[in-house]
N, C-alpha and C. Protein backbone atom coordinates (compact mmCIF):
# COMPACT_ATOMS: atom_id res chain seq x y z
N UNK A 1 129.83 116.49 170.47
CA UNK A 1 129.06 115.40 169.96
C UNK A 1 127.92 115.13 170.95
N UNK A 2 126.71 114.99 170.52
CA UNK A 2 125.55 114.65 171.35
C UNK A 2 125.52 113.17 171.51
N UNK A 3 125.49 112.63 172.80
CA UNK A 3 125.41 111.24 173.06
C UNK A 3 124.09 110.64 172.49
N UNK A 4 124.25 109.49 171.98
CA UNK A 4 123.11 108.74 171.42
C UNK A 4 122.61 107.77 172.52
N UNK A 5 121.29 107.85 172.76
CA UNK A 5 120.77 106.89 173.81
C UNK A 5 120.83 105.43 173.33
N UNK A 6 121.15 104.51 174.20
CA UNK A 6 121.19 103.17 173.97
C UNK A 6 119.86 102.58 173.96
N UNK A 7 119.45 101.83 172.82
CA UNK A 7 118.03 101.32 172.66
C UNK A 7 117.68 100.46 173.89
N UNK A 8 118.59 99.73 174.52
CA UNK A 8 118.27 98.95 175.68
C UNK A 8 117.81 99.91 176.83
N UNK A 9 118.57 101.03 176.99
CA UNK A 9 118.15 101.93 177.99
C UNK A 9 116.79 102.65 177.68
N UNK A 10 116.59 102.90 176.48
CA UNK A 10 115.34 103.53 176.02
C UNK A 10 114.13 102.54 176.29
N UNK A 11 114.33 101.25 175.92
CA UNK A 11 113.24 100.26 176.17
C UNK A 11 113.03 100.03 177.69
N UNK A 12 114.10 99.96 178.49
CA UNK A 12 113.94 99.69 179.87
C UNK A 12 113.28 100.91 180.57
N UNK A 13 113.62 102.11 180.21
CA UNK A 13 113.01 103.30 180.88
C UNK A 13 111.52 103.34 180.43
N UNK A 14 111.19 103.04 179.21
CA UNK A 14 109.84 103.03 178.76
C UNK A 14 108.97 101.96 179.54
N UNK A 15 109.52 100.84 179.77
CA UNK A 15 108.87 99.78 180.38
C UNK A 15 108.71 100.14 181.94
N UNK A 16 109.75 100.71 182.51
CA UNK A 16 109.68 101.16 183.93
C UNK A 16 108.54 102.17 184.10
N UNK A 17 108.51 103.21 183.29
CA UNK A 17 107.45 104.17 183.43
C UNK A 17 106.03 103.57 183.16
N UNK A 18 105.93 102.62 182.23
CA UNK A 18 104.61 102.08 181.96
C UNK A 18 104.16 101.24 183.20
N UNK A 19 105.03 100.48 183.76
CA UNK A 19 104.64 99.74 184.94
C UNK A 19 104.39 100.64 186.16
N UNK A 20 105.06 101.71 186.32
CA UNK A 20 104.69 102.66 187.34
C UNK A 20 103.31 103.27 187.17
N UNK A 21 103.00 103.46 185.95
CA UNK A 21 101.64 104.04 185.63
C UNK A 21 100.47 103.05 185.66
N UNK A 22 100.93 101.76 185.64
CA UNK A 22 99.91 100.65 185.64
C UNK A 22 100.39 99.59 186.71
N UNK A 23 100.35 99.99 187.98
CA UNK A 23 100.87 99.14 189.03
C UNK A 23 100.19 97.82 189.20
N UNK A 24 99.01 97.70 188.71
CA UNK A 24 98.17 96.49 188.88
C UNK A 24 98.58 95.39 187.79
N UNK A 25 99.30 95.84 186.79
CA UNK A 25 99.66 94.91 185.69
C UNK A 25 101.02 94.27 185.94
N UNK A 26 101.05 93.01 185.44
CA UNK A 26 102.37 92.26 185.58
C UNK A 26 102.99 91.99 184.18
N UNK A 27 102.32 92.32 183.17
CA UNK A 27 102.87 92.10 181.79
C UNK A 27 102.34 93.12 180.82
N UNK A 28 103.05 93.29 179.78
CA UNK A 28 102.58 94.14 178.58
C UNK A 28 103.15 93.64 177.35
N UNK A 29 102.46 94.02 176.26
CA UNK A 29 103.03 93.75 174.89
C UNK A 29 103.17 95.11 174.31
N UNK A 30 104.30 95.38 173.70
CA UNK A 30 104.58 96.66 173.03
C UNK A 30 105.36 96.44 171.76
N UNK A 31 105.44 97.53 170.98
CA UNK A 31 106.25 97.36 169.71
C UNK A 31 107.77 97.27 170.09
N UNK A 32 108.42 96.61 169.31
CA UNK A 32 109.93 96.40 169.49
C UNK A 32 110.60 97.74 169.18
N UNK A 33 111.67 97.98 169.93
CA UNK A 33 112.53 99.27 169.70
C UNK A 33 113.74 98.76 168.98
N UNK A 34 113.98 99.31 167.84
CA UNK A 34 115.10 98.90 166.99
C UNK A 34 116.45 98.89 167.76
N UNK A 35 117.07 97.86 167.79
CA UNK A 35 118.36 97.70 168.54
C UNK A 35 118.30 97.21 169.98
N UNK A 36 117.21 97.10 170.47
CA UNK A 36 117.06 96.69 172.02
C UNK A 36 117.52 95.23 172.21
N UNK A 37 117.67 94.39 171.13
CA UNK A 37 118.22 93.08 171.38
C UNK A 37 119.60 92.95 170.72
N UNK A 38 120.31 94.08 170.62
CA UNK A 38 121.59 94.11 170.03
C UNK A 38 121.70 94.14 168.58
N UNK A 39 122.85 93.89 168.06
CA UNK A 39 122.98 94.07 166.61
C UNK A 39 122.34 92.98 165.76
N UNK A 40 122.02 91.87 166.33
CA UNK A 40 121.25 90.81 165.61
C UNK A 40 119.74 90.94 165.99
N UNK A 41 119.14 91.95 165.47
CA UNK A 41 117.75 92.26 165.74
C UNK A 41 116.83 91.21 165.23
N UNK A 42 116.01 90.61 166.14
CA UNK A 42 115.10 89.52 165.66
C UNK A 42 114.05 90.06 164.71
N UNK A 43 113.46 89.13 163.99
CA UNK A 43 112.38 89.61 163.01
C UNK A 43 111.05 89.56 163.71
N UNK A 44 111.03 90.23 164.89
CA UNK A 44 109.84 90.31 165.62
C UNK A 44 109.29 91.77 165.52
N UNK A 45 108.03 91.91 165.68
CA UNK A 45 107.39 93.22 165.65
C UNK A 45 107.04 93.72 166.96
N UNK A 46 106.85 92.74 168.04
CA UNK A 46 106.42 93.17 169.33
C UNK A 46 107.29 92.36 170.36
N UNK A 47 107.23 92.87 171.60
CA UNK A 47 107.94 92.38 172.73
C UNK A 47 106.96 92.11 173.96
N UNK A 48 107.08 90.92 174.52
CA UNK A 48 106.35 90.68 175.76
C UNK A 48 107.30 91.07 176.92
N UNK A 49 106.80 91.98 177.77
CA UNK A 49 107.55 92.35 178.92
C UNK A 49 106.80 91.86 180.12
N UNK A 50 107.40 91.14 181.02
CA UNK A 50 106.87 90.72 182.34
C UNK A 50 107.60 91.30 183.43
N UNK A 51 106.80 91.86 184.39
CA UNK A 51 107.35 92.46 185.60
C UNK A 51 107.29 91.32 186.67
N UNK A 52 108.50 90.89 187.11
CA UNK A 52 108.63 89.90 188.17
C UNK A 52 108.32 90.49 189.55
N UNK A 53 108.87 91.67 189.77
CA UNK A 53 108.64 92.59 190.86
C UNK A 53 109.02 94.01 190.45
N UNK A 54 108.63 94.99 191.13
CA UNK A 54 109.05 96.35 190.76
C UNK A 54 110.54 96.38 190.57
N UNK A 55 111.01 96.87 189.39
CA UNK A 55 112.41 97.03 189.05
C UNK A 55 113.04 95.77 188.47
N UNK A 56 112.34 94.62 188.42
CA UNK A 56 112.86 93.48 187.83
C UNK A 56 111.88 92.93 186.75
N UNK A 57 112.37 92.99 185.51
CA UNK A 57 111.46 92.70 184.41
C UNK A 57 112.33 91.77 183.49
N UNK A 58 111.60 90.99 182.71
CA UNK A 58 112.15 90.23 181.67
C UNK A 58 111.38 90.41 180.42
N UNK A 59 111.99 90.35 179.27
CA UNK A 59 111.36 90.65 178.01
C UNK A 59 111.85 89.63 176.94
N UNK A 60 110.99 89.47 175.97
CA UNK A 60 111.35 88.60 174.85
C UNK A 60 110.57 88.97 173.64
N UNK A 61 111.18 88.74 172.44
CA UNK A 61 110.49 89.07 171.20
C UNK A 61 109.36 88.07 171.00
N UNK A 62 108.30 88.61 170.31
CA UNK A 62 107.14 87.78 169.81
C UNK A 62 107.21 87.68 168.38
N UNK A 63 107.43 86.50 167.92
CA UNK A 63 107.59 86.34 166.43
C UNK A 63 106.27 86.08 165.75
N UNK A 64 106.02 86.62 164.51
CA UNK A 64 104.78 86.28 163.83
C UNK A 64 104.74 84.83 163.44
N UNK A 65 103.52 84.28 163.27
CA UNK A 65 103.43 82.88 162.81
C UNK A 65 104.15 82.69 161.50
N UNK A 66 104.76 81.62 161.26
CA UNK A 66 105.47 81.32 159.99
C UNK A 66 106.81 81.87 159.94
N UNK A 67 107.43 82.44 160.93
CA UNK A 67 108.75 82.87 160.79
C UNK A 67 109.70 81.92 161.59
N UNK A 68 110.84 81.93 161.14
CA UNK A 68 111.85 81.04 161.85
C UNK A 68 112.84 81.84 162.60
């Protein structure tokens, strides 16, 4: 059986690479990766990722106007 990558790991690796390629940036907005927030996927289309320092990031979903 081929192991399936964890969406959290995929998102984290994508963010890590992006910040390595853009060292002057401290934040980015990207499309959400299905499953990166667990089984209760928010109704968000994008994620705000902030790099606190290299290797330490926080992220949160961005909800469209008019959604709860």
